[in-house]
Protein backbone atom coordinates (compact mmCIF):
# COMPACT_ATOMS: atom_id res chain seq x y z
CA UNK A 1 -0.10 -0.05 -0.22
CA UNK A 2 1.60 3.38 -1.23
CA UNK A 3 1.09 6.82 0.14
CA UNK A 4 -1.13 8.96 -1.78
CA UNK A 5 1.05 11.99 -2.59
CA UNK A 6 2.88 14.05 -5.22
CA UNK A 7 6.25 12.64 -3.94
CA UNK A 8 7.44 9.11 -4.67
CA UNK A 9 6.07 6.48 -2.76
CA UNK A 10 8.19 5.53 0.35
CA UNK A 11 7.80 2.22 1.80
CA UNK A 12 9.95 1.66 4.97
CA UNK A 13 10.68 -1.87 4.79
CA UNK A 14 13.50 -3.79 3.46
CA UNK A 15 11.31 -6.81 2.08
CA UNK A 16 8.81 -6.29 -0.44
CA UNK A 17 5.18 -6.74 0.77
CA UNK A 18 2.49 -7.93 -1.88
CA UNK A 19 -1.10 -7.89 -0.96
CA UNK A 20 -2.91 -11.27 -0.09
CA UNK A 21 -6.23 -12.09 0.18
CA UNK A 22 -8.06 -12.04 3.82
CA UNK A 23 -8.38 -16.02 4.87
CA UNK A 24 -10.47 -15.79 7.82
CA UNK A 25 -13.43 -16.46 5.96
CA UNK A 26 -15.53 -13.61 7.70
CA UNK A 27 -14.81 -10.30 5.88
CA UNK A 28 -18.35 -9.15 4.91
CA UNK A 29 -20.21 -5.98 4.08
CA UNK A 30 -23.22 -5.56 5.83
CA UNK A 31 -25.15 -6.86 2.57
CA UNK A 32 -23.22 -10.09 2.78
CA UNK A 33 -20.52 -8.55 -0.11
CA UNK A 34 -17.16 -9.20 0.20
CA UNK A 35 -14.54 -6.67 0.45
CA UNK A 36 -11.70 -6.14 -2.12
CA UNK A 37 -9.54 -8.93 -2.59
CA UNK A 38 -6.03 -7.64 -1.56
CA UNK A 39 -3.87 -9.48 -4.16
CA UNK A 40 -2.45 -6.50 -6.06
CA UNK A 41 -5.59 -6.39 -8.66
CA UNK A 42 -8.37 -3.81 -8.03
CA UNK A 43 -11.54 -5.10 -7.29
CA UNK A 44 -14.52 -2.70 -7.93
CA UNK A 45 -17.11 -2.52 -5.23
CA UNK A 46 -20.93 -1.80 -6.44
CA UNK A 47 -22.02 1.50 -6.36
CA UNK A 48 -25.11 2.76 -4.51
CA UNK A 49 -27.35 5.47 -5.39
CA UNK A 50 -25.67 7.86 -3.67
CA UNK A 51 -22.13 7.17 -5.28
CA UNK A 52 -20.59 5.42 -2.66
CA UNK A 53 -19.95 1.57 -2.50
CA UNK A 54 -23.04 -0.35 -1.68
CA UNK A 55 -21.60 -1.99 1.51
CA UNK A 56 -20.64 1.02 2.74
CA UNK A 57 -24.14 2.87 2.14
CA UNK A 58 -26.07 -0.11 3.87
CA UNK A 59 -23.65 -0.17 6.85
CA UNK A 60 -24.25 3.59 7.47
CA UNK A 61 -27.96 2.91 7.35
CA UNK A 62 -28.10 -0.39 9.42
CA UNK A 63 -28.72 0.02 13.28
CA UNK A 64 -25.91 0.66 15.49
CA UNK A 65 -24.17 -2.03 17.53
CA UNK A 66 -25.63 -1.86 21.15
CA UNK A 67 -23.19 -2.06 24.01
CA UNK A 68 -20.04 -1.93 21.68
CA UNK A 69 -17.31 0.39 22.91
CA UNK A 70 -14.63 -0.12 20.68
CA UNK A 71 -14.13 -1.08 16.98
CA UNK A 72 -11.53 -3.82 16.59
CA UNK A 73 -9.12 -3.23 13.75
CA UNK A 74 -6.68 -5.60 14.16
CA UNK A 75 -6.62 -8.63 16.79
CA UNK A 76 -3.01 -10.05 15.14
CA UNK A 77 -4.37 -13.64 15.01
CA UNK A 78 -4.51 -13.91 11.50
CA UNK A 79 -0.61 -13.18 11.42
CA UNK A 80 -1.07 -10.91 8.37
CA UNK A 81 0.68 -7.62 7.53
CA UNK A 82 -1.45 -6.55 4.97
CA UNK A 83 -5.49 -7.15 5.63
CA UNK A 84 -8.58 -5.65 5.45
CA UNK A 85 -10.14 -3.71 8.41
CA UNK A 86 -13.74 -2.62 9.30
CA UNK A 87 -12.44 0.85 8.20
CA UNK A 88 -10.79 0.22 4.79
CA UNK A 89 -7.60 -1.73 3.80
CA UNK A 90 -4.33 -1.60 5.95
CA UNK A 91 -0.88 -2.60 5.71
CA UNK A 92 1.97 -2.93 8.54
CA UNK A 93 5.51 -1.71 8.10
CA UNK A 94 8.75 -1.26 10.12
CA UNK A 95 11.44 0.97 9.02
CA UNK A 96 13.90 3.51 11.06
CA UNK A 97 12.73 6.22 13.06
CA UNK A 98 15.60 7.89 12.39
CA UNK A 99 17.62 6.90 9.20
CA UNK A 100 20.95 8.57 10.31
CA UNK A 101 21.43 6.57 13.19
CA UNK A 102 22.34 2.49 12.90
CA UNK A 103 21.55 0.06 15.39
CA UNK A 104 24.41 -2.19 16.62
CA UNK A 105 22.67 -5.49 15.74
CA UNK A 106 19.89 -6.61 13.77
CA UNK A 107 16.46 -5.86 14.53
CA UNK A 108 12.61 -7.82 14.29
CA UNK A 109 9.53 -7.06 13.23
CA UNK A 110 6.46 -9.08 12.35
CA UNK A 111 3.57 -10.79 14.04
CA UNK A 112 4.72 -13.81 16.18
CA UNK A 113 3.21 -16.50 18.35
CA UNK A 114 2.82 -15.43 22.28
CA UNK A 115 4.77 -17.61 24.63
CA UNK A 116 1.91 -17.02 27.28
CA UNK A 117 -1.34 -16.06 25.66
CA UNK A 118 -3.02 -12.98 27.00
CA UNK A 119 -6.56 -13.89 27.63
CA UNK A 120 -7.81 -15.49 24.52
CA UNK A 121 -5.07 -13.84 22.21
CA UNK A 122 -2.39 -16.34 21.02
CA UNK A 123 -0.48 -13.63 18.80
CA UNK A 124 0.67 -10.28 18.74
CA UNK A 125 2.71 -7.61 16.68
CA UNK A 126 6.33 -7.97 17.75
CA UNK A 127 9.06 -5.44 17.36
CA UNK A 128 12.77 -5.22 18.36
CA UNK A 129 15.64 -2.68 17.97
CA UNK A 130 19.16 -2.28 19.10
CA UNK A 131 20.50 0.80 20.64
CA UNK A 132 21.43 3.44 19.31
CA UNK A 133 18.73 2.95 16.55
CA UNK A 134 15.08 3.38 16.75
CA UNK A 135 12.06 1.82 15.32
CA UNK A 136 9.26 3.08 13.68
CA UNK A 137 6.38 0.63 13.30
CA UNK A 138 3.33 1.90 11.67
CA UNK A 139 0.04 0.71 10.12
CA UNK A 140 -1.25 2.68 6.84
CA UNK A 141 -4.77 2.86 5.81
CA UNK A 142 -7.08 3.41 2.66
CA UNK A 143 -10.73 4.45 3.08
CA UNK A 144 -13.28 1.47 2.34
CA UNK A 145 -14.42 3.05 -1.19
CA UNK A 146 -10.48 3.66 -2.11
CA UNK A 147 -10.56 1.28 -4.88
CA UNK A 148 -14.08 2.61 -6.51
CA UNK A 149 -12.62 6.10 -6.68
CA UNK A 150 -13.84 7.18 -2.95
CA UNK A 151 -11.80 9.23 -0.29
CA UNK A 152 -8.28 7.80 -0.06
CA UNK A 153 -8.25 7.98 3.79
CA UNK A 154 -10.81 6.63 6.11
CA UNK A 155 -12.83 9.13 8.12
CA UNK A 156 -12.58 8.49 11.84
CA UNK A 157 -14.88 11.72 13.09
CA UNK A 158 -16.86 9.05 14.75
CA UNK A 159 -14.74 7.91 17.13
CA UNK A 160 -12.86 9.32 20.30
CA UNK A 161 -9.43 7.62 20.09
CA UNK A 162 -7.52 4.82 19.72
CA UNK A 163 -6.70 1.51 22.32
CA UNK A 164 -4.26 -1.20 21.94
CA UNK A 165 -2.56 -3.56 24.38
CA UNK A 166 1.35 -3.44 24.62
CA UNK A 167 4.06 -5.01 26.57
CA UNK A 168 7.70 -4.44 27.03
CA UNK A 169 10.83 -5.99 28.66
CA UNK A 170 10.67 -3.61 31.83
CA UNK A 171 8.61 -0.70 33.28
CA UNK A 172 11.39 1.51 31.91
CA UNK A 173 10.41 1.60 28.30
CA UNK A 174 8.26 3.85 26.44
CA UNK A 175 6.42 4.48 23.16
CA UNK A 176 5.94 7.43 21.51
CA UNK A 177 2.60 6.82 19.55
CA UNK A 178 2.19 9.36 16.33
CA UNK A 179 -0.70 9.81 14.00
CA UNK A 180 -0.45 11.35 10.46
CA UNK A 181 -3.59 13.13 9.25
CA UNK A 182 -4.13 14.38 5.52
CA UNK A 183 -2.55 17.64 6.67
CA UNK A 184 0.91 16.23 7.62
CA UNK A 185 1.53 13.47 5.47
CA UNK A 186 5.13 13.38 4.65
CA UNK A 187 6.72 10.21 3.17
CA UNK A 188 9.64 11.07 5.60
CA UNK A 189 10.94 9.51 8.68
CA UNK A 190 10.13 10.46 12.30
CA UNK A 191 13.20 12.44 12.75
CA UNK A 192 12.81 14.51 9.55
CA UNK A 193 9.07 15.10 10.21
CA UNK A 194 9.84 16.19 13.85
CA UNK A 195 12.29 18.94 12.81
CA UNK A 196 10.04 19.98 10.05
CA UNK A 197 7.52 22.90 10.14
CA UNK A 198 4.55 20.49 10.46
CA UNK A 199 5.67 17.21 12.52
CA UNK A 200 3.43 14.37 13.16
CA UNK A 201 0.86 14.33 16.27
CA UNK A 202 2.05 12.76 19.05
CA UNK A 203 1.15 11.07 22.50
CA UNK A 204 3.46 9.15 24.69
CA UNK A 205 2.65 5.43 26.17
CA UNK A 206 4.43 3.77 28.89
CA UNK A 207 5.56 0.03 28.51
CA UNK A 208 5.60 -2.16 31.38
CA UNK A 209 6.56 -5.92 31.54
CA UNK A 210 3.01 -7.02 32.08
CA UNK A 211 0.49 -6.22 29.61
CA UNK A 212 -1.14 -2.97 29.55
CA UNK A 213 -4.32 -1.65 27.71
CA UNK A 214 -3.75 2.13 26.48
CA UNK A 215 -6.55 4.34 25.51
CA UNK A 216 -5.74 7.69 23.91
CA UNK A 217 -7.95 10.29 22.87
CA UNK A 218 -7.30 12.15 19.42
CA UNK A 219 -7.97 15.31 21.16
CA UNK A 220 -4.76 14.71 23.48
CA UNK A 221 -2.27 14.38 20.39
CA UNK A 222 -0.27 17.32 19.89
CA UNK A 223 2.53 18.47 17.62
CA UNK A 224 5.91 19.06 19.37
CA UNK A 225 6.23 22.35 17.66
CA UNK A 226 2.65 23.45 17.35
CA UNK A 227 0.72 22.97 20.43
CA UNK A 228 -2.33 24.66 19.34
CA UNK A 229 -2.33 22.09 16.27
CA UNK A 230 -5.18 19.69 16.46
CA UNK A 231 -5.81 16.19 14.58
CA UNK A 232 -8.06 16.07 11.68
CA UNK A 233 -9.87 12.96 12.29
CA UNK A 234 -11.75 13.02 9.09
CA UNK A 235 -9.15 11.84 6.95
CA UNK A 236 -6.35 9.71 9.02
CA UNK A 237 -3.56 8.17 6.78
CA UNK A 238 -1.58 6.07 9.40
CA UNK A 239 -0.55 5.25 12.95
CA UNK A 240 2.94 4.70 14.04
CA UNK A 241 4.49 3.18 17.09
CA UNK A 242 7.86 4.18 17.75
CA UNK A 243 10.28 2.79 20.22
CA UNK A 244 13.91 3.57 21.42
CA UNK A 245 13.90 7.07 20.66
CA UNK A 246 16.33 7.67 23.53
CA UNK A 247 18.93 5.46 21.94
CA UNK A 248 18.73 2.77 24.36
CA UNK A 249 16.99 0.33 21.99
CA UNK A 250 13.34 -1.39 22.30
CA UNK A 251 11.43 -4.53 22.33
CA UNK A 252 7.55 -4.56 22.69
CA UNK A 253 4.42 -6.58 21.76
CA UNK A 254 1.07 -4.94 20.28
CA UNK A 255 -2.07 -6.49 20.07
CA UNK A 256 -5.88 -5.94 19.68
CA UNK A 257 -5.61 -2.45 18.07
CA UNK A 258 -8.94 -0.29 18.14
CA UNK A 259 -10.80 2.62 18.00
CA UNK A 260 -12.56 3.97 20.75
CA UNK A 261 -16.07 4.97 19.86
CA UNK A 262 -17.67 8.37 20.45
CA UNK A 263 -20.80 6.85 22.16
CA UNK A 264 -22.12 3.80 20.04
CA UNK A 265 -20.16 2.71 17.58
CA UNK A 266 -21.17 3.26 13.62
CA UNK A 267 -21.37 0.16 11.72
CA UNK A 268 -18.29 -0.46 9.70
CA UNK A 269 -18.22 -0.59 6.24
CA UNK A 270 -16.67 -4.55 6.47
CA UNK A 271 -17.67 -6.68 9.49
CA UNK A 272 -14.52 -8.52 9.59
CA UNK A 273 -15.05 -9.18 13.32
CA UNK A 274 -18.12 -10.33 14.08
CA UNK A 275 -16.71 -11.86 17.39
CA UNK A 276 -14.90 -9.28 19.51
CA UNK A 277 -12.30 -9.68 22.08
CA UNK A 278 -12.13 -8.75 25.89
CA UNK A 279 -12.84 -5.34 26.68
CA UNK A 280 -14.65 -4.35 23.37
CA UNK A 281 -18.09 -4.29 24.58
CA UNK A 282 -19.79 -3.65 27.92
CA UNK A 283 -20.70 -7.52 28.91
CA UNK A 284 -16.71 -7.91 28.88
CA UNK A 285 -16.05 -5.32 31.37
CA UNK A 286 -15.41 -6.06 34.91
CA UNK A 287 -18.16 -3.77 36.79
CA UNK A 288 -18.22 -2.72 40.12
CA UNK A 289 -20.98 -1.98 42.60
CA UNK A 290 -21.40 1.29 44.43
CA UNK A 291 -20.48 1.79 48.17
CA UNK A 292 -23.45 2.62 50.12
CA UNK A 293 -26.99 1.86 51.11
CA UNK A 294 -29.07 4.20 49.01
CA UNK A 295 -30.03 4.18 45.39
CA UNK A 296 -28.40 7.27 45.05
CA UNK A 297 -24.76 5.60 45.76
CA UNK A 298 -25.63 1.66 44.21
CA UNK A 299 -28.18 1.67 41.85
CA UNK A 300 -25.56 1.76 39.22
CA UNK A 301 -22.48 0.08 38.59
CA UNK A 302 -18.94 1.43 37.11
CA UNK A 303 -15.80 -0.03 35.35
CA UNK A 304 -12.56 0.81 33.95
CA UNK A 305 -12.04 0.51 30.11
CA UNK A 306 -8.65 -0.56 30.44
CA UNK A 307 -9.87 -3.48 32.14
CA UNK A 308 -7.69 -2.96 35.18
CA UNK A 309 -8.98 -2.91 38.92
CA UNK A 310 -9.89 0.23 40.65
CA UNK A 311 -8.08 -0.92 43.53
CA UNK A 312 -4.65 -0.82 41.52
CA UNK A 313 -4.59 2.03 38.84
CA UNK A 314 -1.39 3.44 37.41
CA UNK A 315 -0.32 6.92 38.31
CA UNK A 316 0.77 8.28 34.76
CA UNK A 317 0.84 11.83 33.59
CA UNK A 318 0.42 11.27 30.00
CA UNK A 319 -2.57 8.84 29.69
CA UNK A 320 -6.01 8.75 31.41
CA UNK A 321 -8.20 6.29 33.29
CA UNK A 322 -11.16 5.66 31.22
CA UNK A 323 -14.36 5.13 33.40
CA UNK A 324 -17.84 4.21 32.22
CA UNK A 325 -21.19 3.95 34.38
CA UNK A 326 -24.14 2.07 33.51
CA UNK A 327 -27.59 0.86 35.07
CA UNK A 328 -27.43 -2.81 35.34
CA UNK A 329 -30.51 -3.53 33.40
CA UNK A 330 -30.77 -5.03 30.02
CA UNK A 331 -31.75 -3.51 27.86
CA UNK A 332 -29.86 -0.56 29.42
CA UNK A 333 -32.42 2.29 29.80
CA UNK A 334 -32.16 5.55 28.24
CA UNK A 335 -31.00 8.29 30.58
CA UNK A 336 -30.68 11.95 30.27
CA UNK A 337 -27.11 12.54 31.19
CA UNK A 338 -24.47 11.24 33.67
CA UNK A 339 -23.06 14.04 36.16
CA UNK A 340 -19.64 13.27 37.56
CA UNK A 341 -17.42 14.44 40.51
CA UNK A 342 -13.84 13.09 41.13
CA UNK A 343 -11.91 14.07 43.96
CA UNK A 344 -8.19 13.35 44.86
CA UNK A 345 -8.68 12.76 48.51
CA UNK A 346 -5.38 13.20 50.33
CA UNK A 347 -5.02 16.96 48.42
CA UNK A 348 -8.81 17.42 48.23
CA UNK A 349 -8.46 18.50 44.50
CA UNK A 350 -11.24 18.29 42.27
CA UNK A 351 -10.45 16.64 39.10
CA UNK A 352 -11.87 17.64 35.82
CA UNK A 353 -13.12 14.66 33.38
CA UNK A 354 -13.46 14.72 29.62
CA UNK A 355 -16.82 13.08 28.31
CA UNK A 356 -16.03 10.69 25.58
CA UNK A 357 -20.01 10.62 24.21
CA UNK A 358 -22.82 13.08 24.51
CA UNK A 359 -24.55 11.33 27.72
CA UNK A 360 -21.13 11.50 29.80
CA UNK A 361 -21.41 7.51 30.41
CA UNK A 362 -17.89 7.08 29.81
CA UNK A 363 -15.26 9.61 30.68
CA UNK A 364 -11.53 10.33 30.85
CA UNK A 365 -9.83 11.06 34.04
CA UNK A 366 -6.33 12.23 34.46
CA UNK A 367 -4.67 10.44 37.39
CA UNK A 368 -1.63 12.45 38.17
CA UNK A 369 -0.94 11.62 41.79
CA UNK A 370 -0.78 8.55 44.02
CA UNK A 371 -3.41 7.72 46.58
CA UNK A 372 -7.24 7.33 46.78
CA UNK A 373 -9.88 9.02 44.59
CA UNK A 374 -13.57 9.26 45.20
CA UNK A 375 -15.47 8.99 42.48
CA UNK A 376 -19.40 9.96 42.30
CA UNK A 377 -21.51 9.44 39.08
CA UNK A 378 -25.49 10.01 39.13
CA UNK A 379 -28.28 10.59 36.97
CA UNK A 380 -32.23 10.38 36.76
CA UNK A 381 -33.83 7.09 36.73
CA UNK A 382 -36.52 6.13 36.80
CA UNK A 383 -38.37 9.44 35.90
CA UNK A 384 -36.87 12.19 38.62
CA UNK A 385 -35.58 9.66 40.74
CA UNK A 386 -31.81 9.69 41.28
CA UNK A 387 -29.59 6.70 40.53
CA UNK A 388 -25.94 6.62 41.16
CA UNK A 389 -22.56 4.95 41.97
CA UNK A 390 -20.01 6.04 44.43
CA UNK A 391 -16.73 4.16 44.14
CA UNK A 392 -13.02 4.71 45.30
CA UNK A 393 -10.11 4.47 43.00
CA UNK A 394 -6.57 3.74 44.23
CA UNK A 395 -3.82 5.29 42.11
CA UNK A 396 -0.16 3.78 42.51
């Protein structure tokens, strides 16, 4: 998959990759049609009356998936570097983050079997680079209507951010996650682009020796030299995972790359993941009841989207804790809006939260200091009655 740009296409990989057909036998549009085969030959999608591929038009008109919080893009289980995703065609690549600095030993890149499965996951993307070199692992996207003359890049405006699982060799490692929208596409290395007047949008992520889920809001990505700039999510070209930028080398695993939905998830152009993984929907979260005896504090339940225990939340100045609240009735009743208060108990400081959806059922909370936090969320249900949850979060 080559970049759509006026400059020559740059592929940062020493091994040529050819498109291979998706072999999962489950990549279907909402009308049962298949997405294009990735064998290098263009496959034309049927056109709808609106001039867009019929499968994408049907998907947009179909009911939205209830209870789904994330749109899975790649669970790595197919072992493919070129694949069909729910938002379009995609390819994984790897190259040097700074071609002027050479590594002292050969690196590694690819989708590999895990020595110990993570939940039901058997595979993950693995990357390694020796210092002083740094590695840039990226995934490039084309929009679902690209081969039929549609927009070249997928529109991610219906999503609030990205999510993925990672594991490193120690707690001292880190990643820089970078995104190219259609305004910053460069075809150059990270080092060259960072030194330019229009660098990629970045967000830090900590690596630990244990698997950890990262959830990063698009609104929190910043350009190093243009802090006022904002990511244009209506046309996203690529996502970069950069390791070893400090010159000490890096080794990491990445799994279950997904998009955080902004409220209810839109139906994808191609439903390639009918079976979702852990933490993708409401049913797979670990819900906790409120403390107290009244409906004001116990009628709702709360969960962390990171699948972490509320009693063991990491302190992190770069990443936020994502909390979700719901009334435990199936199907979930509609409520007007949730109101939140979060207090850092030792200092008494009130913490501002960021809403992920219009109803404030999911919020992002900055956890920058250790210690206990008191979280209170409430709404009105049924009718004007107060229904809420109170819980403690312990940050370490």
